[in-house]
Structures are given as structure tokens and as C-alpha cells.
Amino acid sequence: KLTDKGNANIALVSTKKPYELESQWTGMRIRDFATVNLKTGEQQIAVKGVRNVNLSPKGKYAYGYKMNDSTWFTYNIAAKKFNAITTNKLFYDELNDSPKHPNSYGLAGWTASDKDILL
């Protein structure tokens, strides 16, 4: 995945290989995600064991929603720091009555220059 209309120096890549076997009985399609510096080729593991991760508009953060614990998270690419931002808060469908983890209510967007995420 690319960001900043393809002008950022960071891309996001993923692999599902570590989870292929267990996905046969869990039904969860999870992956590990890494950032790639497009100038140097350096890769850095960002987030492990999640369904989906995206890049913020300016490429400063990777972010997503972890269904297994119902939390939104960010990963600061420059600082290489993971942050669970909705722990113990209801940002998911609390009326979920199906035998699966609840979905999130969704993302509203980002403020200018990736300053804040709006959930």
C-alpha cells in the first residue's frame, strides 16, 4: 500500500504466511505488516497478527482495528512505536450478536498533516 498519492517514502507490505494453517479452523484472515522505506529498501515490522492495516494520508502512521480485542491502534513509523488508542473504550458494535468478534464503528479520517485520527 502506498500513501500521500504515491509521493511518500514509505510503503506497507504484508504476509499471511505465519497464519495460513490456523486460519483454516479460526476463520480469521490475519497478517503481519511491515513498513518499507522506498529510498533505502529497509523493512521494519510494524504490526503482527491483525486483519488489516492502512497508512495515514501523509504516511506518518500505520493504523487499524484489532478485532480480537476490539481496539484501534496506531504505529508511529518514525518512532517505531505501537499505541493501542481505544483500550477499554467502546469503539465497536457492542450490539454484535453473532459468533464472531465485533466490527468497529469505523474511521472518520485524519486531521491535517496526520496530527490526529478521528474515529
Protein backbone atom coordinates (compact mmCIF):
# COMPACT_ATOMS: atom_id res chain seq x y z
CA LYS A 1 0.00 0.00 0.00
CA LEU A 2 1.19 3.49 -0.82
CA THR A 3 0.16 6.83 0.67
CA ASP A 4 0.36 10.58 0.05
CA LYS A 5 -0.85 9.98 -3.50
CA GLY A 6 2.18 7.77 -4.11
CA ASN A 7 4.62 10.51 -3.09
CA ALA A 8 5.59 9.21 0.37
CA ASN A 9 8.87 7.44 1.04
CA ILE A 10 7.06 4.65 2.91
CA ALA A 11 5.03 1.68 1.69
CA LEU A 12 3.22 -1.00 3.63
CA VAL A 13 3.63 -4.70 2.84
CA SER A 14 2.06 -7.76 4.44
CA THR A 15 2.30 -11.52 4.71
CA LYS A 16 -0.30 -14.04 5.79
CA LYS A 17 2.10 -16.97 5.71
CA PRO A 18 2.52 -17.40 9.52
CA TYR A 19 -1.27 -17.70 9.90
CA GLU A 20 -2.33 -19.76 6.88
CA LEU A 21 -2.68 -23.06 8.73
CA GLU A 22 -4.60 -21.74 11.74
CA SER A 23 -6.93 -19.70 9.52
CA GLN A 24 -8.42 -22.99 8.33
CA TRP A 25 -10.11 -23.51 11.70
CA THR A 26 -10.29 -19.98 13.12
CA GLY A 27 -11.71 -18.34 10.02
CA MET A 28 -9.59 -15.27 10.83
CA ARG A 29 -7.59 -13.91 7.94
CA ILE A 30 -4.81 -12.16 9.81
CA ARG A 31 -1.43 -10.90 8.65
CA ASP A 32 1.83 -9.34 9.73
CA PHE A 33 2.54 -5.88 8.34
CA ALA A 34 5.86 -4.12 7.75
CA THR A 35 6.86 -0.70 6.50
CA VAL A 36 9.34 -0.37 3.66
CA ASN A 37 11.47 2.72 3.13
CA LEU A 38 11.26 3.20 -0.64
CA LYS A 39 14.59 5.04 -0.80
CA THR A 40 16.72 2.60 1.21
CA GLY A 41 14.71 -0.63 0.98
CA GLU A 42 14.82 -1.00 4.78
CA GLN A 43 11.93 -3.02 6.19
CA GLN A 44 10.56 -2.72 9.72
CA ILE A 45 7.89 -4.97 11.24
CA ALA A 46 5.06 -2.66 12.30
CA VAL A 47 2.11 -4.78 13.44
CA LYS A 48 1.65 -8.53 13.83
CA GLY A 49 -1.48 -10.65 13.80
CA VAL A 50 -4.12 -8.22 12.55
CA ARG A 51 -6.64 -8.32 9.74
CA ASN A 52 -5.90 -5.03 8.03
CA VAL A 53 -3.59 -2.04 8.38
CA ASN A 54 -3.57 1.20 6.41
CA LEU A 55 -1.28 4.20 6.14
CA SER A 56 -2.28 7.68 7.27
CA PRO A 57 -2.62 10.26 4.46
CA LYS A 58 0.92 11.66 4.89
CA GLY A 59 2.49 8.31 5.75
CA LYS A 60 3.46 9.14 9.33
CA TYR A 61 1.40 6.32 10.84
CA ALA A 62 0.15 2.82 10.12
CA TYR A 63 -3.23 2.25 11.76
CA GLY A 64 -6.02 -0.26 12.07
CA TYR A 65 -8.52 -2.14 14.20
CA LYS A 66 -7.76 -5.37 16.04
CA MET A 67 -10.92 -7.45 16.02
CA ASN A 68 -9.75 -9.96 18.63
CA ASP A 69 -9.56 -7.32 21.38
CA SER A 70 -11.75 -4.61 19.75
CA THR A 71 -9.14 -1.85 19.84
CA TRP A 72 -7.97 0.73 17.35
CA PHE A 73 -4.21 1.25 17.16
CA THR A 74 -1.60 3.43 15.54
CA TYR A 75 2.03 2.69 14.75
CA ASN A 76 4.30 5.75 14.59
CA ILE A 77 6.61 4.88 11.70
CA ALA A 78 9.43 7.32 12.57
CA ALA A 79 9.46 6.43 16.29
CA LYS A 80 8.69 2.73 15.64
CA LYS A 81 6.11 2.85 18.43
CA PHE A 82 2.82 0.91 18.67
CA ASN A 83 -0.06 2.57 20.54
CA ALA A 84 -3.43 0.97 21.38
CA ILE A 85 -5.66 4.05 21.37
CA THR A 86 -9.11 2.71 22.32
CA THR A 87 -8.34 0.22 25.09
CA ASN A 88 -11.33 -0.13 27.44
CA LYS A 89 -13.43 2.21 25.30
CA LEU A 90 -16.44 1.31 23.13
CA PHE A 91 -15.43 1.96 19.53
CA TYR A 92 -17.04 -1.23 18.26
CA ASP A 93 -20.51 -2.63 17.67
CA GLU A 94 -21.48 -3.55 21.23
CA LEU A 95 -24.78 -4.98 19.96
CA ASN A 96 -22.93 -7.65 17.98
CA ASP A 97 -24.87 -10.87 18.48
CA SER A 98 -23.09 -13.17 16.07
CA PRO A 99 -20.41 -15.74 16.89
CA LYS A 100 -17.54 -13.52 15.76
CA HIS A 101 -15.58 -10.58 17.04
CA PRO A 102 -17.44 -7.26 16.70
CA ASN A 103 -16.67 -4.84 13.89
CA SER A 104 -15.57 -1.29 14.58
CA TYR A 105 -17.82 1.69 14.02
CA GLY A 106 -15.26 2.94 11.52
CA LEU A 107 -12.81 5.68 10.73
CA ALA A 108 -13.91 9.26 10.05
CA GLY A 109 -10.47 10.33 8.80
CA TRP A 110 -7.32 12.21 9.77
CA THR A 111 -6.72 15.88 10.53
CA ALA A 112 -4.18 17.91 8.56
CA SER A 113 -0.61 16.57 8.43
CA ASP A 114 -1.62 13.36 10.27
CA LYS A 115 -1.94 15.25 13.56
CA ASP A 116 -4.98 13.30 14.85
CA ILE A 117 -7.04 10.27 13.87
CA LEU A 118 -10.85 10.65 14.00
CA LEU A 119 -12.82 7.58 15.00
